[in-house]
């Protein structure tokens, strides 16, 4: 099993439940780790391209306002599982401004398994 990952992916998203969060974008920092059976891969076609993770995160953000980071994380994990080769998706979403200046960030991590 191979772990394909992207860390520190910066995404701008309309996210949050509070009045001051509605109608504005905020930064998210996203880490994704996928289990993909690609041992021995020698060509890009034999594995999962990192860019698909970036594209999926941007697509989730483009869907419009999302109230919870949990929802963002689950949608991204499900988008990653759309590739039938992915057997497990771990998605961590951090909202750096959530508790600023008292904390560097807050967020969630979810794991979905096929």
PDB file of N, CA and C in Angstrom:
ATOM      1  N   UNK A   1       0.850  -1.184   0.000  1.00  0.00           N
ATOM      2  CA  UNK A   1       0.000   0.000   0.000  1.00  0.00           C
ATOM      3  C   UNK A   1       0.889   1.238   0.000  1.00  0.00           C
ATOM      4  N   UNK A   2       0.522   2.216  -0.779  1.00  0.00           N
ATOM      5  CA  UNK A   2       1.252   3.480  -0.845  1.00  0.00           C
ATOM      6  C   UNK A   2       0.407   4.568  -0.208  1.00  0.00           C
ATOM      7  N   UNK A   3       1.054   5.459   0.515  1.00  0.00           N
ATOM      8  CA  UNK A   3       0.366   6.632   1.057  1.00  0.00           C
ATOM      9  C   UNK A   3       0.712   7.812   0.161  1.00  0.00           C
ATOM     10  N   UNK A   4      -0.293   8.371  -0.465  1.00  0.00           N
ATOM     11  CA  UNK A   4      -0.141   9.580  -1.262  1.00  0.00           C
ATOM     12  C   UNK A   4      -0.634  10.722  -0.388  1.00  0.00           C
ATOM     13  N   UNK A   5       0.170  11.789  -0.255  1.00  0.00           N
ATOM     14  CA  UNK A   5      -0.249  12.856   0.651  1.00  0.00           C
ATOM     15  C   UNK A   5       0.087  14.231   0.109  1.00  0.00           C
ATOM     16  N   UNK A   6      -0.693  15.185   0.574  1.00  0.00           N
ATOM     17  CA  UNK A   6      -0.456  16.610   0.344  1.00  0.00           C
ATOM     18  C   UNK A   6      -0.634  17.275   1.698  1.00  0.00           C
ATOM     19  N   UNK A   7       0.335  18.102   2.104  1.00  0.00           N
ATOM     20  CA  UNK A   7       0.239  18.785   3.383  1.00  0.00           C
ATOM     21  C   UNK A   7       0.338  20.292   3.192  1.00  0.00           C
ATOM     22  N   UNK A   8      -0.341  21.004   4.068  1.00  0.00           N
ATOM     23  CA  UNK A   8      -0.265  22.460   4.056  1.00  0.00           C
ATOM     24  C   UNK A   8      -0.918  23.117   2.858  1.00  0.00           C
ATOM     25  N   UNK A   9      -1.890  22.437   2.269  1.00  0.00           N
ATOM     26  CA  UNK A   9      -2.600  22.985   1.108  1.00  0.00           C
ATOM     27  C   UNK A   9      -3.449  24.175   1.548  1.00  0.00           C
ATOM     28  N   UNK A  10      -3.231  25.309   0.948  1.00  0.00           N
ATOM     29  CA  UNK A  10      -3.978  26.519   1.307  1.00  0.00           C
ATOM     30  C   UNK A  10      -5.165  26.687   0.376  1.00  0.00           C
ATOM     31  N   UNK A  11      -6.349  26.797   0.975  1.00  0.00           N
ATOM     32  CA  UNK A  11      -7.601  26.940   0.239  1.00  0.00           C
ATOM     33  C   UNK A  11      -8.377  28.102   0.842  1.00  0.00           C
ATOM     34  N   UNK A  12      -8.954  28.919  -0.001  1.00  0.00           N
ATOM     35  CA  UNK A  12      -9.841  29.993   0.454  1.00  0.00           C
ATOM     36  C   UNK A  12     -11.276  29.479   0.317  1.00  0.00           C
ATOM     37  N   UNK A  13     -12.046  29.572   1.388  1.00  0.00           N
ATOM     38  CA  UNK A  13     -13.414  29.033   1.367  1.00  0.00           C
ATOM     39  C   UNK A  13     -14.355  29.932   2.154  1.00  0.00           C
ATOM     40  N   UNK A  14     -15.595  29.960   1.707  1.00  0.00           N
ATOM     41  CA  UNK A  14     -16.655  30.607   2.485  1.00  0.00           C
ATOM     42  C   UNK A  14     -17.104  29.579   3.501  1.00  0.00           C
ATOM     43  N   UNK A  15     -16.712  29.788   4.768  1.00  0.00           N
ATOM     44  CA  UNK A  15     -16.966  28.772   5.782  1.00  0.00           C
ATOM     45  C   UNK A  15     -17.206  29.426   7.132  1.00  0.00           C
ATOM     46  N   UNK A  16     -18.130  28.856   7.882  1.00  0.00           N
ATOM     47  CA  UNK A  16     -18.384  29.331   9.235  1.00  0.00           C
ATOM     48  C   UNK A  16     -19.863  29.477   9.535  1.00  0.00           C
ATOM     49  N   UNK A  17     -20.172  29.472  10.824  1.00  0.00           N
ATOM     50  CA  UNK A  17     -21.565  29.561  11.271  1.00  0.00           C
ATOM     51  C   UNK A  17     -21.921  30.933  11.830  1.00  0.00           C
ATOM     52  N   UNK A  18     -20.908  31.730  12.122  1.00  0.00           N
ATOM     53  CA  UNK A  18     -21.183  33.026  12.742  1.00  0.00           C
ATOM     54  C   UNK A  18     -21.503  34.086  11.692  1.00  0.00           C
ATOM     55  N   UNK A  19     -22.290  35.072  12.099  1.00  0.00           N
ATOM     56  CA  UNK A  19     -22.732  36.137  11.205  1.00  0.00           C
ATOM     57  C   UNK A  19     -21.563  36.797  10.470  1.00  0.00           C
ATOM     58  N   UNK A  20     -20.467  37.053  11.205  1.00  0.00           N
ATOM     59  CA  UNK A  20     -19.326  37.723  10.571  1.00  0.00           C
ATOM     60  C   UNK A  20     -18.585  36.829   9.567  1.00  0.00           C
ATOM     61  N   UNK A  21     -18.915  35.529   9.526  1.00  0.00           N
ATOM     62  CA  UNK A  21     -18.271  34.611   8.592  1.00  0.00           C
ATOM     63  C   UNK A  21     -19.082  34.415   7.306  1.00  0.00           C
ATOM     64  N   UNK A  22     -20.314  34.849   7.326  1.00  0.00           N
ATOM     65  CA  UNK A  22     -21.184  34.663   6.171  1.00  0.00           C
ATOM     66  C   UNK A  22     -20.804  35.677   5.088  1.00  0.00           C
ATOM     67  N   UNK A  23     -20.672  35.175   3.852  1.00  0.00           N
ATOM     68  CA  UNK A  23     -20.400  36.057   2.726  1.00  0.00           C
ATOM     69  C   UNK A  23     -18.953  36.488   2.578  1.00  0.00           C
ATOM     70  N   UNK A  24     -18.047  35.841   3.294  1.00  0.00           N
ATOM     71  CA  UNK A  24     -16.630  36.165   3.127  1.00  0.00           C
ATOM     72  C   UNK A  24     -15.798  34.886   3.132  1.00  0.00           C
ATOM     73  N   UNK A  25     -14.675  34.955   2.467  1.00  0.00           N
ATOM     74  CA  UNK A  25     -13.800  33.784   2.420  1.00  0.00           C
ATOM     75  C   UNK A  25     -12.791  33.840   3.559  1.00  0.00           C
ATOM     76  N   UNK A  26     -12.369  32.664   3.975  1.00  0.00           N
ATOM     77  CA  UNK A  26     -11.373  32.519   5.023  1.00  0.00           C
ATOM     78  C   UNK A  26     -10.358  31.477   4.568  1.00  0.00           C
ATOM     79  N   UNK A  27      -9.148  31.585   5.077  1.00  0.00           N
ATOM     80  CA  UNK A  27      -8.159  30.566   4.714  1.00  0.00           C
ATOM     81  C   UNK A  27      -8.390  29.267   5.477  1.00  0.00           C
ATOM     82  N   UNK A  28      -8.137  28.182   4.791  1.00  0.00           N
ATOM     83  CA  UNK A  28      -8.085  26.857   5.400  1.00  0.00           C
ATOM     84  C   UNK A  28      -6.725  26.267   5.049  1.00  0.00           C
ATOM     85  N   UNK A  29      -6.209  25.451   5.941  1.00  0.00           N
ATOM     86  CA  UNK A  29      -4.996  24.698   5.658  1.00  0.00           C
ATOM     87  C   UNK A  29      -5.384  23.222   5.726  1.00  0.00           C
ATOM     88  N   UNK A  30      -5.135  22.514   4.631  1.00  0.00           N
ATOM     89  CA  UNK A  30      -5.645  21.158   4.479  1.00  0.00           C
ATOM     90  C   UNK A  30      -4.488  20.169   4.303  1.00  0.00           C
ATOM     91  N   UNK A  31      -4.580  19.050   5.031  1.00  0.00           N
ATOM     92  CA  UNK A  31      -3.670  17.918   4.846  1.00  0.00           C
ATOM     93  C   UNK A  31      -4.513  16.729   4.418  1.00  0.00           C
ATOM     94  N   UNK A  32      -4.044  16.028   3.409  1.00  0.00           N
ATOM     95  CA  UNK A  32      -4.753  14.851   2.911  1.00  0.00           C
ATOM     96  C   UNK A  32      -3.764  13.697   2.797  1.00  0.00           C
ATOM     97  N   UNK A  33      -4.186  12.535   3.267  1.00  0.00           N
ATOM     98  CA  UNK A  33      -3.390  11.319   3.134  1.00  0.00           C
ATOM     99  C   UNK A  33      -4.297  10.224   2.599  1.00  0.00           C
ATOM    100  N   UNK A  34      -3.886   9.615   1.501  1.00  0.00           N
ATOM    101  CA  UNK A  34      -4.696   8.588   0.849  1.00  0.00           C
ATOM    102  C   UNK A  34      -3.920   7.284   0.767  1.00  0.00           C
ATOM    103  N   UNK A  35      -4.589   6.170   1.042  1.00  0.00           N
ATOM    104  CA  UNK A  35      -4.002   4.848   0.820  1.00  0.00           C
ATOM    105  C   UNK A  35      -4.405   4.395  -0.573  1.00  0.00           C
ATOM    106  N   UNK A  36      -3.382   4.086  -1.376  1.00  0.00           N
ATOM    107  CA  UNK A  36      -3.611   3.698  -2.766  1.00  0.00           C
ATOM    108  C   UNK A  36      -2.693   2.508  -3.070  1.00  0.00           C
ATOM    109  N   UNK A  37      -3.251   1.427  -3.621  1.00  0.00           N
ATOM    110  CA  UNK A  37      -2.408   0.255  -3.909  1.00  0.00           C
ATOM    111  C   UNK A  37      -1.588   0.471  -5.179  1.00  0.00           C
ATOM    112  N   UNK A  38      -0.503   1.230  -5.051  1.00  0.00           N
ATOM    113  CA  UNK A  38       0.302   1.550  -6.234  1.00  0.00           C
ATOM    114  C   UNK A  38       1.764   1.152  -6.063  1.00  0.00           C
ATOM    115  N   UNK A  39       2.064   0.196  -5.211  1.00  0.00           N
ATOM    116  CA  UNK A  39       3.442  -0.242  -5.023  1.00  0.00           C
ATOM    117  C   UNK A  39       4.018  -0.671  -6.366  1.00  0.00           C
ATOM    118  N   UNK A  40       5.223  -0.233  -6.639  1.00  0.00           N
ATOM    119  CA  UNK A  40       5.879  -0.585  -7.893  1.00  0.00           C
ATOM    120  C   UNK A  40       5.525   0.313  -9.058  1.00  0.00           C
ATOM    121  N   UNK A  41       4.764   1.365  -8.807  1.00  0.00           N
ATOM    122  CA  UNK A  41       4.380   2.282  -9.881  1.00  0.00           C
ATOM    123  C   UNK A  41       5.619   2.955 -10.462  1.00  0.00           C
ATOM    124  N   UNK A  42       5.672   3.026 -11.782  1.00  0.00           N
ATOM    125  CA  UNK A  42       6.785   3.683 -12.454  1.00  0.00           C
ATOM    126  C   UNK A  42       6.324   4.779 -13.406  1.00  0.00           C
ATOM    127  N   UNK A  43       5.024   4.880 -13.592  1.00  0.00           N
ATOM    128  CA  UNK A  43       4.464   5.918 -14.465  1.00  0.00           C
ATOM    129  C   UNK A  43       3.361   6.641 -13.711  1.00  0.00           C
ATOM    130  N   UNK A  44       3.163   7.912 -14.048  1.00  0.00           N
ATOM    131  CA  UNK A  44       2.118   8.692 -13.396  1.00  0.00           C
ATOM    132  C   UNK A  44       0.758   8.022 -13.539  1.00  0.00           C
ATOM    133  N   UNK A  45       0.512   7.407 -14.670  1.00  0.00           N
ATOM    134  CA  UNK A  45      -0.771   6.735 -14.899  1.00  0.00           C
ATOM    135  C   UNK A  45      -0.995   5.572 -13.932  1.00  0.00           C
ATOM    136  N   UNK A  46       0.081   5.082 -13.315  1.00  0.00           N
ATOM    137  CA  UNK A  46      -0.028   3.952 -12.388  1.00  0.00           C
ATOM    138  C   UNK A  46      -0.327   4.369 -10.961  1.00  0.00           C
ATOM    139  N   UNK A  47      -0.365   5.662 -10.700  1.00  0.00           N
ATOM    140  CA  UNK A  47      -0.550   6.145  -9.342  1.00  0.00           C
ATOM    141  C   UNK A  47      -1.572   7.283  -9.330  1.00  0.00           C
ATOM    142  N   UNK A  48      -1.717   7.917  -8.207  1.00  0.00           N
ATOM    143  CA  UNK A  48      -2.668   9.013  -8.069  1.00  0.00           C
ATOM    144  C   UNK A  48      -1.905  10.336  -8.133  1.00  0.00           C
ATOM    145  N   UNK A  49      -2.281  11.191  -9.034  1.00  0.00           N
ATOM    146  CA  UNK A  49      -1.622  12.481  -9.220  1.00  0.00           C
ATOM    147  C   UNK A  49      -1.999  13.409  -8.070  1.00  0.00           C
ATOM    148  N   UNK A  50      -1.004  14.036  -7.445  1.00  0.00           N
ATOM    149  CA  UNK A  50      -1.258  14.963  -6.343  1.00  0.00           C
ATOM    150  C   UNK A  50      -2.225  16.074  -6.741  1.00  0.00           C
ATOM    151  N   UNK A  51      -2.165  16.477  -7.989  1.00  0.00           N
ATOM    152  CA  UNK A  51      -2.997  17.594  -8.452  1.00  0.00           C
ATOM    153  C   UNK A  51      -4.486  17.300  -8.311  1.00  0.00           C
ATOM    154  N   UNK A  52      -4.863  16.015  -8.325  1.00  0.00           N
ATOM    155  CA  UNK A  52      -6.282  15.689  -8.155  1.00  0.00           C
ATOM    156  C   UNK A  52      -6.766  16.073  -6.759  1.00  0.00           C
ATOM    157  N   UNK A  53      -5.866  16.021  -5.781  1.00  0.00           N
ATOM    158  CA  UNK A  53      -6.217  16.418  -4.421  1.00  0.00           C
ATOM    159  C   UNK A  53      -6.439  17.928  -4.365  1.00  0.00           C
ATOM    160  N   UNK A  54      -5.528  18.677  -4.963  1.00  0.00           N
ATOM    161  CA  UNK A  54      -5.675  20.129  -5.047  1.00  0.00           C
ATOM    162  C   UNK A  54      -6.970  20.501  -5.758  1.00  0.00           C
ATOM    163  N   UNK A  55      -7.230  19.867  -6.885  1.00  0.00           N
ATOM    164  CA  UNK A  55      -8.451  20.157  -7.646  1.00  0.00           C
ATOM    165  C   UNK A  55      -9.704  19.844  -6.833  1.00  0.00           C
ATOM    166  N   UNK A  56      -9.679  18.733  -6.096  1.00  0.00           N
ATOM    167  CA  UNK A  56     -10.845  18.351  -5.297  1.00  0.00           C
ATOM    168  C   UNK A  56     -11.092  19.353  -4.180  1.00  0.00           C
ATOM    169  N   UNK A  57     -10.035  19.812  -3.514  1.00  0.00           N
ATOM    170  CA  UNK A  57     -10.188  20.793  -2.434  1.00  0.00           C
ATOM    171  C   UNK A  57     -10.755  22.101  -2.980  1.00  0.00           C
ATOM    172  N   UNK A  58     -10.251  22.538  -4.117  1.00  0.00           N
ATOM    173  CA  UNK A  58     -10.769  23.767  -4.732  1.00  0.00           C
ATOM    174  C   UNK A  58     -12.221  23.603  -5.156  1.00  0.00           C
ATOM    175  N   UNK A  59     -12.575  22.425  -5.639  1.00  0.00           N
ATOM    176  CA  UNK A  59     -13.962  22.174  -6.058  1.00  0.00           C
ATOM    177  C   UNK A  59     -14.908  22.208  -4.864  1.00  0.00           C
ATOM    178  N   UNK A  60     -14.505  21.647  -3.748  1.00  0.00           N
ATOM    179  CA  UNK A  60     -15.341  21.691  -2.546  1.00  0.00           C
ATOM    180  C   UNK A  60     -15.540  23.142  -2.116  1.00  0.00           C
ATOM    181  N   UNK A  61     -14.472  23.917  -2.121  1.00  0.00           N
ATOM    182  CA  UNK A  61     -14.569  25.329  -1.737  1.00  0.00           C
ATOM    183  C   UNK A  61     -15.466  26.110  -2.702  1.00  0.00           C
ATOM    184  N   UNK A  62     -15.445  25.744  -3.963  1.00  0.00           N
ATOM    185  CA  UNK A  62     -16.229  26.458  -4.979  1.00  0.00           C
ATOM    186  C   UNK A  62     -17.726  26.156  -4.904  1.00  0.00           C
ATOM    187  N   UNK A  63     -18.121  25.167  -4.111  1.00  0.00           N
ATOM    188  CA  UNK A  63     -19.538  24.801  -3.997  1.00  0.00           C
ATOM    189  C   UNK A  63     -20.362  25.843  -3.259  1.00  0.00           C
ATOM    190  N   UNK A  64     -19.720  26.831  -2.675  1.00  0.00           N
ATOM    191  CA  UNK A  64     -20.441  27.862  -1.930  1.00  0.00           C
ATOM    192  C   UNK A  64     -20.245  27.712  -0.440  1.00  0.00           C
ATOM    193  N   UNK A  65     -21.008  28.498   0.307  1.00  0.00           N
ATOM    194  CA  UNK A  65     -20.832  28.569   1.754  1.00  0.00           C
ATOM    195  C   UNK A  65     -21.048  27.213   2.417  1.00  0.00           C
ATOM    196  N   UNK A  66     -20.116  26.874   3.300  1.00  0.00           N
ATOM    197  CA  UNK A  66     -20.180  25.653   4.116  1.00  0.00           C
ATOM    198  C   UNK A  66     -20.122  26.101   5.565  1.00  0.00           C
ATOM    199  N   UNK A  67     -21.000  25.588   6.388  1.00  0.00           N
ATOM    200  CA  UNK A  67     -21.019  26.017   7.785  1.00  0.00           C
ATOM    201  C   UNK A  67     -19.880  25.435   8.607  1.00  0.00           C
ATOM    202  N   UNK A  68     -19.606  24.148   8.469  1.00  0.00           N
ATOM    203  CA  UNK A  68     -18.676  23.478   9.371  1.00  0.00           C
ATOM    204  C   UNK A  68     -17.437  22.954   8.658  1.00  0.00           C
ATOM    205  N   UNK A  69     -16.282  23.015   9.324  1.00  0.00           N
ATOM    206  CA  UNK A  69     -15.076  22.413   8.758  1.00  0.00           C
ATOM    207  C   UNK A  69     -15.243  20.896   8.654  1.00  0.00           C
ATOM    208  N   UNK A  70     -16.069  20.315   9.522  1.00  0.00           N
ATOM    209  CA  UNK A  70     -16.357  18.880   9.430  1.00  0.00           C
ATOM    210  C   UNK A  70     -16.986  18.547   8.066  1.00  0.00           C
ATOM    211  N   UNK A  71     -17.887  19.407   7.620  1.00  0.00           N
ATOM    212  CA  UNK A  71     -18.541  19.197   6.325  1.00  0.00           C
ATOM    213  C   UNK A  71     -17.526  19.310   5.203  1.00  0.00           C
ATOM    214  N   UNK A  72     -16.665  20.327   5.258  1.00  0.00           N
ATOM    215  CA  UNK A  72     -15.630  20.490   4.241  1.00  0.00           C
ATOM    216  C   UNK A  72     -14.749  19.242   4.189  1.00  0.00           C
ATOM    217  N   UNK A  73     -14.302  18.777   5.356  1.00  0.00           N
ATOM    218  CA  UNK A  73     -13.419  17.615   5.424  1.00  0.00           C
ATOM    219  C   UNK A  73     -14.088  16.370   4.853  1.00  0.00           C
ATOM    220  N   UNK A  74     -15.345  16.156   5.206  1.00  0.00           N
ATOM    221  CA  UNK A  74     -16.027  14.958   4.703  1.00  0.00           C
ATOM    222  C   UNK A  74     -16.237  15.032   3.203  1.00  0.00           C
ATOM    223  N   UNK A  75     -16.630  16.183   2.692  1.00  0.00           N
ATOM    224  CA  UNK A  75     -16.806  16.319   1.241  1.00  0.00           C
ATOM    225  C   UNK A  75     -15.507  16.064   0.496  1.00  0.00           C
ATOM    226  N   UNK A  76     -14.410  16.570   1.032  1.00  0.00           N
ATOM    227  CA  UNK A  76     -13.121  16.355   0.376  1.00  0.00           C
ATOM    228  C   UNK A  76     -12.718  14.879   0.450  1.00  0.00           C
ATOM    229  N   UNK A  77     -12.928  14.251   1.584  1.00  0.00           N
ATOM    230  CA  UNK A  77     -12.599  12.832   1.715  1.00  0.00           C
ATOM    231  C   UNK A  77     -13.419  12.000   0.735  1.00  0.00           C
ATOM    232  N   UNK A  78     -14.705  12.307   0.614  1.00  0.00           N
ATOM    233  CA  UNK A  78     -15.557  11.566  -0.328  1.00  0.00           C
ATOM    234  C   UNK A  78     -15.122  11.808  -1.778  1.00  0.00           C
ATOM    235  N   UNK A  79     -14.710  13.032  -2.076  1.00  0.00           N
ATOM    236  CA  UNK A  79     -14.212  13.328  -3.429  1.00  0.00           C
ATOM    237  C   UNK A  79     -12.960  12.506  -3.721  1.00  0.00           C
ATOM    238  N   UNK A  80     -12.102  12.348  -2.728  1.00  0.00           N
ATOM    239  CA  UNK A  80     -10.899  11.536  -2.915  1.00  0.00           C
ATOM    240  C   UNK A  80     -11.243  10.061  -3.094  1.00  0.00           C
ATOM    241  N   UNK A  81     -12.254   9.600  -2.379  1.00  0.00           N
ATOM    242  CA  UNK A  81     -12.679   8.199  -2.502  1.00  0.00           C
ATOM    243  C   UNK A  81     -13.398   7.920  -3.817  1.00  0.00           C
ATOM    244  N   UNK A  82     -13.698   8.960  -4.582  1.00  0.00           N
ATOM    245  CA  UNK A  82     -14.319   8.763  -5.891  1.00  0.00           C
ATOM    246  C   UNK A  82     -13.373   8.000  -6.826  1.00  0.00           C
ATOM    247  N   UNK A  83     -12.079   8.106  -6.575  1.00  0.00           N
ATOM    248  CA  UNK A  83     -11.122   7.285  -7.322  1.00  0.00           C
ATOM    249  C   UNK A  83     -11.179   5.886  -6.720  1.00  0.00           C
ATOM    250  N   UNK A  84     -11.567   4.895  -7.497  1.00  0.00           N
ATOM    251  CA  UNK A  84     -11.775   3.551  -6.934  1.00  0.00           C
ATOM    252  C   UNK A  84     -10.517   2.913  -6.355  1.00  0.00           C
ATOM    253  N   UNK A  85      -9.350   3.442  -6.683  1.00  0.00           N
ATOM    254  CA  UNK A  85      -8.106   2.897  -6.142  1.00  0.00           C
ATOM    255  C   UNK A  85      -7.861   3.327  -4.699  1.00  0.00           C
ATOM    256  N   UNK A  86      -8.482   4.410  -4.274  1.00  0.00           N
ATOM    257  CA  UNK A  86      -8.279   4.929  -2.923  1.00  0.00           C
ATOM    258  C   UNK A  86      -9.077   4.075  -1.940  1.00  0.00           C
ATOM    259  N   UNK A  87      -8.389   3.508  -0.951  1.00  0.00           N
ATOM    260  CA  UNK A  87      -9.067   2.655   0.025  1.00  0.00           C
ATOM    261  C   UNK A  87      -9.312   3.366   1.354  1.00  0.00           C
ATOM    262  N   UNK A  88      -8.515   4.426   1.619  1.00  0.00           N
ATOM    263  CA  UNK A  88      -8.682   5.178   2.854  1.00  0.00           C
ATOM    264  C   UNK A  88      -8.299   6.622   2.588  1.00  0.00           C
ATOM    265  N   UNK A  89      -9.102   7.530   3.121  1.00  0.00           N
ATOM    266  CA  UNK A  89      -8.816   8.956   2.984  1.00  0.00           C
ATOM    267  C   UNK A  89      -8.829   9.592   4.365  1.00  0.00           C
ATOM    268  N   UNK A  90      -7.704  10.220   4.725  1.00  0.00           N
ATOM    269  CA  UNK A  90      -7.621  10.982   5.972  1.00  0.00           C
ATOM    270  C   UNK A  90      -7.477  12.440   5.584  1.00  0.00           C
ATOM    271  N   UNK A  91      -8.395  13.259   6.079  1.00  0.00           N
ATOM    272  CA  UNK A  91      -8.400  14.686   5.745  1.00  0.00           C
ATOM    273  C   UNK A  91      -8.402  15.487   7.038  1.00  0.00           C
ATOM    274  N   UNK A  92      -7.462  16.410   7.122  1.00  0.00           N
ATOM    275  CA  UNK A  92      -7.348  17.317   8.265  1.00  0.00           C
ATOM    276  C   UNK A  92      -7.555  18.727   7.739  1.00  0.00           C
ATOM    277  N   UNK A  93      -8.495  19.438   8.329  1.00  0.00           N
ATOM    278  CA  UNK A  93      -8.789  20.809   7.909  1.00  0.00           C
ATOM    279  C   UNK A  93      -8.584  21.722   9.106  1.00  0.00           C
ATOM    280  N   UNK A  94      -7.702  22.685   8.928  1.00  0.00           N
ATOM    281  CA  UNK A  94      -7.408  23.657   9.977  1.00  0.00           C
ATOM    282  C   UNK A  94      -7.929  25.019   9.537  1.00  0.00           C
ATOM    283  N   UNK A  95      -8.551  25.712  10.467  1.00  0.00           N
ATOM    284  CA  UNK A  95      -9.075  27.058  10.244  1.00  0.00           C
ATOM    285  C   UNK A  95      -8.208  28.014  11.068  1.00  0.00           C
ATOM    286  N   UNK A  96      -7.183  28.602  10.448  1.00  0.00           N
ATOM    287  CA  UNK A  96      -6.206  29.381  11.208  1.00  0.00           C
ATOM    288  C   UNK A  96      -6.771  30.588  11.953  1.00  0.00           C
ATOM    289  N   UNK A  97      -7.832  31.175  11.464  1.00  0.00           N
ATOM    290  CA  UNK A  97      -8.368  32.379  12.106  1.00  0.00           C
ATOM    291  C   UNK A  97      -9.426  32.082  13.168  1.00  0.00           C
ATOM    292  N   UNK A  98      -9.791  30.825  13.341  1.00  0.00           N
ATOM    293  CA  UNK A  98     -10.902  30.459  14.224  1.00  0.00           C
ATOM    294  C   UNK A  98     -10.751  30.988  15.641  1.00  0.00           C
ATOM    295  N   UNK A  99      -9.578  30.865  16.215  1.00  0.00           N
ATOM    296  CA  UNK A  99      -9.357  31.288  17.601  1.00  0.00           C
ATOM    297  C   UNK A  99      -8.249  32.327  17.716  1.00  0.00           C
ATOM    298  N   UNK A 100      -7.936  32.967  16.598  1.00  0.00           N
ATOM    299  CA  UNK A 100      -6.867  33.978  16.595  1.00  0.00           C
ATOM    300  C   UNK A 100      -7.254  35.143  17.495  1.00  0.00           C
ATOM    301  N   UNK A 101      -6.356  35.712  18.218  1.00  0.00           N
ATOM    302  CA  UNK A 101      -4.917  35.427  18.285  1.00  0.00           C
ATOM    303  C   UNK A 101      -4.538  34.436  19.383  1.00  0.00           C
ATOM    304  N   UNK A 102      -5.507  33.778  19.970  1.00  0.00           N
ATOM    305  CA  UNK A 102      -5.229  32.900  21.107  1.00  0.00           C
ATOM    306  C   UNK A 102      -4.697  31.524  20.717  1.00  0.00           C
ATOM    307  N   UNK A 103      -4.885  31.133  19.464  1.00  0.00           N
ATOM    308  CA  UNK A 103      -4.393  29.837  19.001  1.00  0.00           C
ATOM    309  C   UNK A 103      -3.963  29.971  17.548  1.00  0.00           C
ATOM    310  N   UNK A 104      -3.033  29.148  17.152  1.00  0.00           N
ATOM    311  CA  UNK A 104      -2.545  29.161  15.771  1.00  0.00           C
ATOM    312  C   UNK A 104      -3.616  28.643  14.826  1.00  0.00           C
ATOM    313  N   UNK A 105      -4.454  27.747  15.298  1.00  0.00           N
ATOM    314  CA  UNK A 105      -5.507  27.196  14.461  1.00  0.00           C
ATOM    315  C   UNK A 105      -6.375  26.236  15.240  1.00  0.00           C
ATOM    316  N   UNK A 106      -7.474  25.876  14.619  1.00  0.00           N
ATOM    317  CA  UNK A 106      -8.395  24.874  15.166  1.00  0.00           C
ATOM    318  C   UNK A 106      -9.000  24.155  13.980  1.00  0.00           C
ATOM    319  N   UNK A 107      -9.438  22.948  14.174  1.00  0.00           N
ATOM    320  CA  UNK A 107     -10.014  22.241  13.040  1.00  0.00           C
ATOM    321  C   UNK A 107     -10.410  20.830  13.384  1.00  0.00           C
ATOM    322  N   UNK A 108     -10.488  20.019  12.344  1.00  0.00           N
ATOM    323  CA  UNK A 108     -10.916  18.630  12.498  1.00  0.00           C
ATOM    324  C   UNK A 108     -10.071  17.725  11.606  1.00  0.00           C
ATOM    325  N   UNK A 109     -10.113  16.462  11.951  1.00  0.00           N
ATOM    326  CA  UNK A 109      -9.499  15.438  11.124  1.00  0.00           C
ATOM    327  C   UNK A 109     -10.484  14.286  11.038  1.00  0.00           C
ATOM    328  N   UNK A 110     -10.731  13.827   9.821  1.00  0.00           N
ATOM    329  CA  UNK A 110     -11.610  12.681   9.655  1.00  0.00           C
ATOM    330  C   UNK A 110     -10.918  11.638   8.804  1.00  0.00           C
ATOM    331  N   UNK A 111     -11.346  10.396   8.979  1.00  0.00           N
ATOM    332  CA  UNK A 111     -10.845   9.296   8.162  1.00  0.00           C
ATOM    333  C   UNK A 111     -12.039   8.507   7.653  1.00  0.00           C
ATOM    334  N   UNK A 112     -12.082   8.319   6.334  1.00  0.00           N
ATOM    335  CA  UNK A 112     -13.112   7.487   5.718  1.00  0.00           C
ATOM    336  C   UNK A 112     -12.415   6.295   5.083  1.00  0.00           C
ATOM    337  N   UNK A 113     -12.992   5.111   5.257  1.00  0.00           N
ATOM    338  CA  UNK A 113     -12.419   3.884   4.718  1.00  0.00           C
ATOM    339  C   UNK A 113     -13.472   3.236   3.826  1.00  0.00           C
ATOM    340  N   UNK A 114     -12.995   2.775   2.674  1.00  0.00           N
ATOM    341  CA  UNK A 114     -13.900   2.103   1.733  1.00  0.00           C
ATOM    342  C   UNK A 114     -14.224   0.716   2.254  1.00  0.00           C
TER     343      UNK A 114
END
